[in-house]
Every structure is written in C-alpha cells, then in structure tokens.
Amino acid sequence: MQTTQALLRTVTLRSLMLAAVFAVIFLIFFRGGVLPYLLGLLFGTALGILNFRQLGVTIEKAVAMSPSKAQTYATVHYFIRFSLVAAALLVSILSEQIQVLGMVAGLMTVKLIIYMTQLLSGSSKSKNISKRKEE
C-alpha cells in the first residue's frame, strides 16, 4: 500500500511537470489563441491523473476479491473510466472553449511518464524490451 501511494504521488508530480512543459510549448506555438489549448491541457491532465489513481484503487480492491468477482469489478470500473474519457473528449470536440489537442496532450501525460520512467530505469527487464531476439 505504501509503495502504491508513493508511485501514485511520483507519477502525479511528474505528469504535472510534463503538463507544464506542454503548456510552455502551447504558449510558444499558439500565441494568439492559447487559452483553449491550456484549458484542454488542464482538464486532460486532471482526467489522466484521476484515471490513473482510480486504476490503482480498482487494482487494490480487485486483488482482495475472488477471481470471478474481481473480473466483474475490474471490467465495470474499466468501462466507467473509458466512459469518462469518451465524454471528456466529446465535450472538448463540441466545445470551442476547450481544444481537443490540449485535451489529448493532457490525457497522454500519465502514459508518457509511465513509459519514460520504465525505459529510463536501470532495471534489466526494461533493458531487455528493446533488445532484439536472435535465433
């Protein structure tokens, strides 16, 4: 439980830092109408972090259940998270105040942080991922 909380905190902080980098990039490239991009980035990042935290809670609860109950529980919560992301993307598509590019960039921050952390860690497992298997 303690390591899970530390991981959630680390991924959250790094995601916020990456979102700040995206915000600077948006400020540089979209000088005139940057506010919709920044709002999309803000909401996308918040939703991405919320999704990641909810995934952690779902996994912790599912581990304590029987396999059939855990499968049902995890599936239901997956569709809840999926529906929230779909609704947020739909709102950003239909709204002029929130830009889709910002929303997608925000949603991707958590995933990018997880990938970068895994690839940049010194573990042998992550190093073996990129090695070519020769026959």
N, C-alpha and C. Protein backbone atom coordinates (compact mmCIF):
# COMPACT_ATOMS: atom_id res chain seq x y z
N MET A 1 0.83 -1.19 0.00
CA MET A 1 0.00 0.00 0.00
C MET A 1 0.87 1.25 0.00
N GLN A 2 1.93 1.22 0.80
CA GLN A 2 2.81 2.38 0.89
C GLN A 2 3.52 2.64 -0.44
N THR A 3 3.99 1.57 -1.08
CA THR A 3 4.68 1.76 -2.36
C THR A 3 3.70 2.21 -3.44
N THR A 4 2.46 1.77 -3.35
CA THR A 4 1.45 2.20 -4.32
C THR A 4 1.20 3.70 -4.18
N GLN A 5 1.08 4.18 -2.96
CA GLN A 5 0.86 5.61 -2.73
C GLN A 5 2.06 6.42 -3.21
N ALA A 6 3.26 5.91 -2.98
CA ALA A 6 4.46 6.61 -3.44
C ALA A 6 4.50 6.66 -4.96
N LEU A 7 4.12 5.55 -5.61
CA LEU A 7 4.08 5.52 -7.07
C LEU A 7 3.05 6.50 -7.60
N LEU A 8 1.87 6.52 -6.99
CA LEU A 8 0.82 7.46 -7.42
C LEU A 8 1.30 8.90 -7.27
N ARG A 9 1.95 9.21 -6.16
CA ARG A 9 2.44 10.56 -5.93
C ARG A 9 3.52 10.93 -6.95
N THR A 10 4.43 10.01 -7.21
CA THR A 10 5.51 10.28 -8.16
C THR A 10 4.97 10.50 -9.57
N VAL A 11 4.08 9.62 -10.01
CA VAL A 11 3.52 9.75 -11.36
C VAL A 11 2.70 11.04 -11.47
N THR A 12 1.97 11.39 -10.42
CA THR A 12 1.18 12.62 -10.44
C THR A 12 2.07 13.84 -10.57
N LEU A 13 3.12 13.91 -9.76
CA LEU A 13 4.02 15.07 -9.81
C LEU A 13 4.74 15.17 -11.15
N ARG A 14 5.21 14.05 -11.66
CA ARG A 14 5.89 14.07 -12.95
C ARG A 14 4.92 14.42 -14.09
N SER A 15 3.68 13.97 -13.98
CA SER A 15 2.68 14.31 -15.00
C SER A 15 2.40 15.80 -15.00
N LEU A 16 2.33 16.39 -13.81
CA LEU A 16 2.13 17.83 -13.73
C LEU A 16 3.31 18.60 -14.31
N MET A 17 4.53 18.08 -14.08
CA MET A 17 5.70 18.73 -14.67
C MET A 17 5.68 18.63 -16.20
N LEU A 18 5.31 17.46 -16.73
CA LEU A 18 5.22 17.31 -18.18
C LEU A 18 4.12 18.19 -18.75
N ALA A 19 3.02 18.32 -18.03
CA ALA A 19 1.95 19.22 -18.47
C ALA A 19 2.44 20.65 -18.52
N ALA A 20 3.29 21.04 -17.58
CA ALA A 20 3.86 22.39 -17.60
C ALA A 20 4.74 22.58 -18.83
N VAL A 21 5.47 21.55 -19.21
CA VAL A 21 6.29 21.62 -20.43
C VAL A 21 5.38 21.77 -21.65
N PHE A 22 4.30 20.98 -21.70
CA PHE A 22 3.34 21.13 -22.79
C PHE A 22 2.73 22.53 -22.82
N ALA A 23 2.47 23.08 -21.65
CA ALA A 23 1.89 24.43 -21.57
C ALA A 23 2.84 25.45 -22.17
N VAL A 24 4.13 25.32 -21.89
CA VAL A 24 5.11 26.24 -22.46
C VAL A 24 5.16 26.08 -23.98
N ILE A 25 5.10 24.84 -24.44
CA ILE A 25 5.10 24.59 -25.89
C ILE A 25 3.87 25.22 -26.53
N PHE A 26 2.71 25.06 -25.90
CA PHE A 26 1.49 25.69 -26.42
C PHE A 26 1.61 27.21 -26.42
N LEU A 27 2.21 27.76 -25.38
CA LEU A 27 2.39 29.22 -25.33
C LEU A 27 3.28 29.72 -26.46
N ILE A 28 4.26 28.91 -26.82
CA ILE A 28 5.18 29.31 -27.90
C ILE A 28 4.50 29.21 -29.26
N PHE A 29 3.79 28.10 -29.50
CA PHE A 29 3.25 27.86 -30.83
C PHE A 29 1.88 28.49 -31.09
N PHE A 30 1.08 28.66 -30.05
CA PHE A 30 -0.27 29.18 -30.23
C PHE A 30 -0.44 30.48 -29.46
N ARG A 31 0.31 31.49 -29.81
CA ARG A 31 0.32 32.75 -29.06
C ARG A 31 -1.03 33.44 -29.02
N GLY A 32 -1.71 33.50 -30.14
CA GLY A 32 -2.95 34.26 -30.21
C GLY A 32 -4.10 33.64 -29.44
N GLY A 33 -4.35 32.38 -29.67
CA GLY A 33 -5.49 31.72 -29.03
C GLY A 33 -5.06 30.55 -28.18
N VAL A 34 -4.24 30.82 -27.19
CA VAL A 34 -3.66 29.75 -26.38
C VAL A 34 -4.59 29.25 -25.28
N LEU A 35 -5.55 30.05 -24.87
CA LEU A 35 -6.39 29.68 -23.73
C LEU A 35 -7.15 28.36 -23.93
N PRO A 36 -7.78 28.11 -25.09
CA PRO A 36 -8.46 26.81 -25.27
C PRO A 36 -7.51 25.62 -25.17
N TYR A 37 -6.28 25.78 -25.65
CA TYR A 37 -5.29 24.71 -25.56
C TYR A 37 -4.90 24.45 -24.11
N LEU A 38 -4.70 25.54 -23.36
CA LEU A 38 -4.33 25.39 -21.95
C LEU A 38 -5.47 24.80 -21.13
N LEU A 39 -6.70 25.19 -21.42
CA LEU A 39 -7.84 24.60 -20.72
C LEU A 39 -7.96 23.10 -21.04
N GLY A 40 -7.78 22.76 -22.30
CA GLY A 40 -7.79 21.35 -22.69
C GLY A 40 -6.68 20.58 -21.99
N LEU A 41 -5.50 21.17 -21.93
CA LEU A 41 -4.38 20.54 -21.25
C LEU A 41 -4.67 20.35 -19.77
N LEU A 42 -5.24 21.36 -19.14
CA LEU A 42 -5.58 21.29 -17.72
C LEU A 42 -6.59 20.17 -17.45
N PHE A 43 -7.68 20.16 -18.21
CA PHE A 43 -8.71 19.14 -17.99
C PHE A 43 -8.21 17.75 -18.38
N GLY A 44 -7.45 17.65 -19.45
CA GLY A 44 -6.91 16.35 -19.86
C GLY A 44 -5.94 15.78 -18.84
N THR A 45 -5.07 16.64 -18.31
CA THR A 45 -4.12 16.18 -17.30
C THR A 45 -4.85 15.75 -16.03
N ALA A 46 -5.82 16.55 -15.60
CA ALA A 46 -6.59 16.20 -14.40
C ALA A 46 -7.31 14.87 -14.60
N LEU A 47 -7.91 14.68 -15.76
CA LEU A 47 -8.62 13.43 -16.03
C LEU A 47 -7.65 12.26 -16.12
N GLY A 48 -6.50 12.46 -16.73
CA GLY A 48 -5.50 11.40 -16.82
C GLY A 48 -5.01 10.97 -15.45
N ILE A 49 -4.75 11.94 -14.57
CA ILE A 49 -4.31 11.62 -13.21
C ILE A 49 -5.43 10.93 -12.43
N LEU A 50 -6.65 11.43 -12.58
CA LEU A 50 -7.79 10.80 -11.91
C LEU A 50 -7.97 9.36 -12.39
N ASN A 51 -7.84 9.14 -13.67
CA ASN A 51 -7.94 7.79 -14.23
C ASN A 51 -6.88 6.86 -13.64
N PHE A 52 -5.64 7.36 -13.55
CA PHE A 52 -4.55 6.55 -13.03
C PHE A 52 -4.77 6.21 -11.56
N ARG A 53 -5.22 7.19 -10.78
CA ARG A 53 -5.50 6.94 -9.36
C ARG A 53 -6.65 5.96 -9.20
N GLN A 54 -7.68 6.10 -10.02
CA GLN A 54 -8.81 5.19 -9.95
C GLN A 54 -8.40 3.78 -10.35
N LEU A 55 -7.51 3.66 -11.31
CA LEU A 55 -6.99 2.35 -11.70
C LEU A 55 -6.26 1.69 -10.53
N GLY A 56 -5.47 2.49 -9.80
CA GLY A 56 -4.77 1.96 -8.63
C GLY A 56 -5.73 1.46 -7.57
N VAL A 57 -6.79 2.22 -7.31
CA VAL A 57 -7.80 1.80 -6.32
C VAL A 57 -8.51 0.54 -6.79
N THR A 58 -8.84 0.49 -8.08
CA THR A 58 -9.53 -0.68 -8.62
C THR A 58 -8.67 -1.93 -8.48
N ILE A 59 -7.39 -1.81 -8.77
CA ILE A 59 -6.50 -2.98 -8.68
C ILE A 59 -6.36 -3.43 -7.24
N GLU A 60 -6.19 -2.49 -6.32
CA GLU A 60 -6.04 -2.86 -4.91
C GLU A 60 -7.29 -3.59 -4.39
N LYS A 61 -8.47 -3.14 -4.79
CA LYS A 61 -9.69 -3.79 -4.33
C LYS A 61 -9.90 -5.13 -5.03
N ALA A 62 -9.57 -5.20 -6.31
CA ALA A 62 -9.79 -6.43 -7.06
C ALA A 62 -8.89 -7.57 -6.60
N VAL A 63 -7.71 -7.24 -6.11
CA VAL A 63 -6.77 -8.27 -5.66
C VAL A 63 -7.34 -9.02 -4.46
N ALA A 64 -8.12 -8.34 -3.65
CA ALA A 64 -8.68 -8.97 -2.44
C ALA A 64 -9.95 -9.77 -2.72
N MET A 65 -10.43 -9.77 -3.95
CA MET A 65 -11.68 -10.47 -4.28
C MET A 65 -11.40 -11.84 -4.89
N SER A 66 -12.46 -12.63 -4.99
CA SER A 66 -12.34 -13.90 -5.70
C SER A 66 -12.17 -13.60 -7.19
N PRO A 67 -11.59 -14.52 -7.96
CA PRO A 67 -11.32 -14.23 -9.37
C PRO A 67 -12.54 -13.79 -10.19
N SER A 68 -13.68 -14.43 -10.00
CA SER A 68 -14.85 -14.05 -10.80
C SER A 68 -15.36 -12.67 -10.41
N LYS A 69 -15.39 -12.38 -9.10
CA LYS A 69 -15.82 -11.05 -8.66
C LYS A 69 -14.82 -9.98 -9.08
N ALA A 70 -13.55 -10.31 -9.01
CA ALA A 70 -12.51 -9.35 -9.41
C ALA A 70 -12.62 -9.01 -10.89
N GLN A 71 -12.90 -10.02 -11.71
CA GLN A 71 -13.03 -9.77 -13.14
C GLN A 71 -14.21 -8.85 -13.43
N THR A 72 -15.33 -9.12 -12.79
CA THR A 72 -16.51 -8.28 -12.98
C THR A 72 -16.25 -6.87 -12.48
N TYR A 73 -15.68 -6.76 -11.31
CA TYR A 73 -15.39 -5.46 -10.71
C TYR A 73 -14.44 -4.64 -11.59
N ALA A 74 -13.36 -5.28 -12.05
CA ALA A 74 -12.38 -4.59 -12.89
C ALA A 74 -12.98 -4.17 -14.23
N THR A 75 -13.81 -5.03 -14.81
CA THR A 75 -14.44 -4.71 -16.09
C THR A 75 -15.40 -3.53 -15.96
N VAL A 76 -16.21 -3.53 -14.91
CA VAL A 76 -17.15 -2.42 -14.70
C VAL A 76 -16.39 -1.12 -14.52
N HIS A 77 -15.33 -1.15 -13.73
CA HIS A 77 -14.57 0.08 -13.49
C HIS A 77 -13.78 0.52 -14.72
N TYR A 78 -13.38 -0.43 -15.54
CA TYR A 78 -12.74 -0.07 -16.80
C TYR A 78 -13.71 0.71 -17.68
N PHE A 79 -14.93 0.22 -17.79
CA PHE A 79 -15.91 0.90 -18.63
C PHE A 79 -16.31 2.26 -18.05
N ILE A 80 -16.30 2.39 -16.74
CA ILE A 80 -16.56 3.70 -16.13
C ILE A 80 -15.45 4.68 -16.52
N ARG A 81 -14.19 4.25 -16.38
CA ARG A 81 -13.07 5.13 -16.75
C ARG A 81 -13.10 5.46 -18.24
N PHE A 82 -13.37 4.45 -19.05
CA PHE A 82 -13.44 4.63 -20.50
C PHE A 82 -14.54 5.63 -20.86
N SER A 83 -15.69 5.51 -20.22
CA SER A 83 -16.82 6.41 -20.49
C SER A 83 -16.50 7.85 -20.09
N LEU A 84 -15.80 8.02 -18.98
CA LEU A 84 -15.40 9.37 -18.56
C LEU A 84 -14.48 10.02 -19.58
N VAL A 85 -13.52 9.26 -20.08
CA VAL A 85 -12.60 9.80 -21.09
C VAL A 85 -13.36 10.10 -22.38
N ALA A 86 -14.24 9.20 -22.79
CA ALA A 86 -15.02 9.43 -24.01
C ALA A 86 -15.89 10.68 -23.88
N ALA A 87 -16.52 10.85 -22.73
CA ALA A 87 -17.36 12.03 -22.51
C ALA A 87 -16.52 13.31 -22.52
N ALA A 88 -15.36 13.27 -21.90
CA ALA A 88 -14.50 14.44 -21.87
C ALA A 88 -14.01 14.80 -23.28
N LEU A 89 -13.66 13.80 -24.06
CA LEU A 89 -13.23 14.06 -25.44
C LEU A 89 -14.38 14.61 -26.27
N LEU A 90 -15.56 14.08 -26.06
CA LEU A 90 -16.73 14.58 -26.79
C LEU A 90 -17.01 16.04 -26.43
N VAL A 91 -16.91 16.37 -25.16
CA VAL A 91 -17.11 17.76 -24.74
C VAL A 91 -16.05 18.66 -25.37
N SER A 92 -14.80 18.20 -25.41
CA SER A 92 -13.75 19.03 -26.00
C SER A 92 -13.93 19.19 -27.51
N ILE A 93 -14.50 18.19 -28.15
CA ILE A 93 -14.77 18.29 -29.59
C ILE A 93 -15.89 19.28 -29.85
N LEU A 94 -16.92 19.22 -29.04
CA LEU A 94 -18.10 20.07 -29.25
C LEU A 94 -17.92 21.49 -28.72
N SER A 95 -17.03 21.69 -27.79
CA SER A 95 -16.86 23.00 -27.16
C SER A 95 -15.78 23.81 -27.87
N GLU A 96 -16.01 25.10 -27.95
CA GLU A 96 -14.99 25.98 -28.52
C GLU A 96 -14.02 26.49 -27.47
N GLN A 97 -14.38 26.33 -26.20
CA GLN A 97 -13.53 26.82 -25.12
C GLN A 97 -12.42 25.83 -24.76
N ILE A 98 -12.57 24.57 -25.15
CA ILE A 98 -11.58 23.54 -24.83
C ILE A 98 -11.09 22.93 -26.14
N GLN A 99 -9.80 22.95 -26.38
CA GLN A 99 -9.22 22.44 -27.60
C GLN A 99 -8.89 20.95 -27.45
N VAL A 100 -9.23 20.16 -28.46
CA VAL A 100 -9.03 18.72 -28.43
C VAL A 100 -7.54 18.37 -28.30
N LEU A 101 -6.68 19.09 -29.00
CA LEU A 101 -5.25 18.81 -28.95
C LEU A 101 -4.73 18.95 -27.52
N GLY A 102 -5.17 19.97 -26.82
CA GLY A 102 -4.77 20.14 -25.43
C GLY A 102 -5.28 19.01 -24.55
N MET A 103 -6.53 18.60 -24.79
CA MET A 103 -7.12 17.51 -24.01
C MET A 103 -6.35 16.21 -24.22
N VAL A 104 -6.05 15.90 -25.47
CA VAL A 104 -5.32 14.66 -25.76
C VAL A 104 -3.91 14.72 -25.18
N ALA A 105 -3.24 15.86 -25.27
CA ALA A 105 -1.91 16.00 -24.68
C ALA A 105 -1.98 15.79 -23.17
N GLY A 106 -2.99 16.35 -22.54
CA GLY A 106 -3.14 16.16 -21.11
C GLY A 106 -3.41 14.71 -20.73
N LEU A 107 -4.25 14.04 -21.51
CA LEU A 107 -4.55 12.64 -21.24
C LEU A 107 -3.31 11.76 -21.42
N MET A 108 -2.44 12.15 -22.32
CA MET A 108 -1.25 11.35 -22.60
C MET A 108 -0.11 11.56 -21.60
N THR A 109 -0.19 12.59 -20.76
CA THR A 109 0.93 12.87 -19.85
C THR A 109 1.23 11.69 -18.93
N VAL A 110 0.20 11.11 -18.35
CA VAL A 110 0.44 9.99 -17.42
C VAL A 110 1.06 8.81 -18.16
N LYS A 111 0.55 8.51 -19.33
CA LYS A 111 1.10 7.39 -20.10
C LYS A 111 2.55 7.63 -20.49
N LEU A 112 2.85 8.85 -20.93
CA LEU A 112 4.22 9.19 -21.30
C LEU A 112 5.16 9.09 -20.10
N ILE A 113 4.70 9.53 -18.95
CA ILE A 113 5.54 9.45 -17.75
C ILE A 113 5.81 8.00 -17.38
N ILE A 114 4.80 7.15 -17.46
CA ILE A 114 5.00 5.74 -17.13
C ILE A 114 5.98 5.09 -18.11
N TYR A 115 5.83 5.37 -19.40
CA TYR A 115 6.75 4.82 -20.40
C TYR A 115 8.17 5.33 -20.19
N MET A 116 8.32 6.63 -19.98
CA MET A 116 9.66 7.19 -19.79
C MET A 116 10.30 6.66 -18.52
N THR A 117 9.54 6.54 -17.45
CA THR A 117 10.08 6.02 -16.20
C THR A 117 10.56 4.59 -16.37
N GLN A 118 9.79 3.78 -17.05
CA GLN A 118 10.16 2.39 -17.27
C GLN A 118 11.39 2.27 -18.17
N LEU A 119 11.42 3.06 -19.23
CA LEU A 119 12.55 2.96 -20.16
C LEU A 119 13.84 3.54 -19.59
N LEU A 120 13.71 4.57 -18.76
CA LEU A 120 14.90 5.20 -18.20
C LEU A 120 15.38 4.57 -16.90
N SER A 121 14.59 3.65 -16.35
CA SER A 121 15.01 2.99 -15.12
C SER A 121 16.13 2.01 -15.45
N GLY A 122 16.88 1.67 -14.47
CA GLY A 122 18.01 0.78 -14.69
C GLY A 122 17.67 -0.68 -14.62
N SER A 123 16.41 -1.04 -14.59
CA SER A 123 16.05 -2.44 -14.42
C SER A 123 16.41 -3.24 -15.68
N SER A 124 16.80 -4.48 -15.47
CA SER A 124 17.18 -5.33 -16.60
C SER A 124 15.96 -5.68 -17.45
N LYS A 125 14.78 -5.72 -16.83
CA LYS A 125 13.57 -6.05 -17.59
C LYS A 125 13.28 -4.98 -18.64
N SER A 126 13.43 -3.70 -18.26
CA SER A 126 13.17 -2.65 -19.23
C SER A 126 14.25 -2.58 -20.29
N LYS A 127 15.46 -3.00 -19.96
CA LYS A 127 16.52 -3.01 -20.96
C LYS A 127 16.31 -4.13 -21.97
N ASN A 128 15.74 -5.25 -21.53
CA ASN A 128 15.51 -6.37 -22.41
C ASN A 128 14.38 -6.14 -23.40
N ILE A 129 13.51 -5.18 -23.12
CA ILE A 129 12.39 -4.91 -24.01
C ILE A 129 12.89 -4.46 -25.38
N SER A 130 13.91 -3.62 -25.39
CA SER A 130 14.37 -3.05 -26.65
C SER A 130 15.41 -3.93 -27.37
N LYS A 131 15.88 -4.98 -26.72
CA LYS A 131 16.86 -5.85 -27.36
C LYS A 131 16.19 -6.78 -28.37
N ARG A 132 16.89 -6.99 -29.44
CA ARG A 132 16.38 -7.87 -30.48
C ARG A 132 16.72 -9.32 -30.15
N LYS A 133 15.74 -10.16 -30.29
CA LYS A 133 15.99 -11.59 -30.00
C LYS A 133 16.49 -12.24 -31.27
N GLU A 134 17.65 -12.86 -31.15
CA GLU A 134 18.25 -13.53 -32.30
C GLU A 134 18.04 -15.02 -32.17
N GLU A 135 17.84 -15.63 -33.30
CA GLU A 135 17.60 -17.08 -33.28
C GLU A 135 18.84 -17.84 -33.53
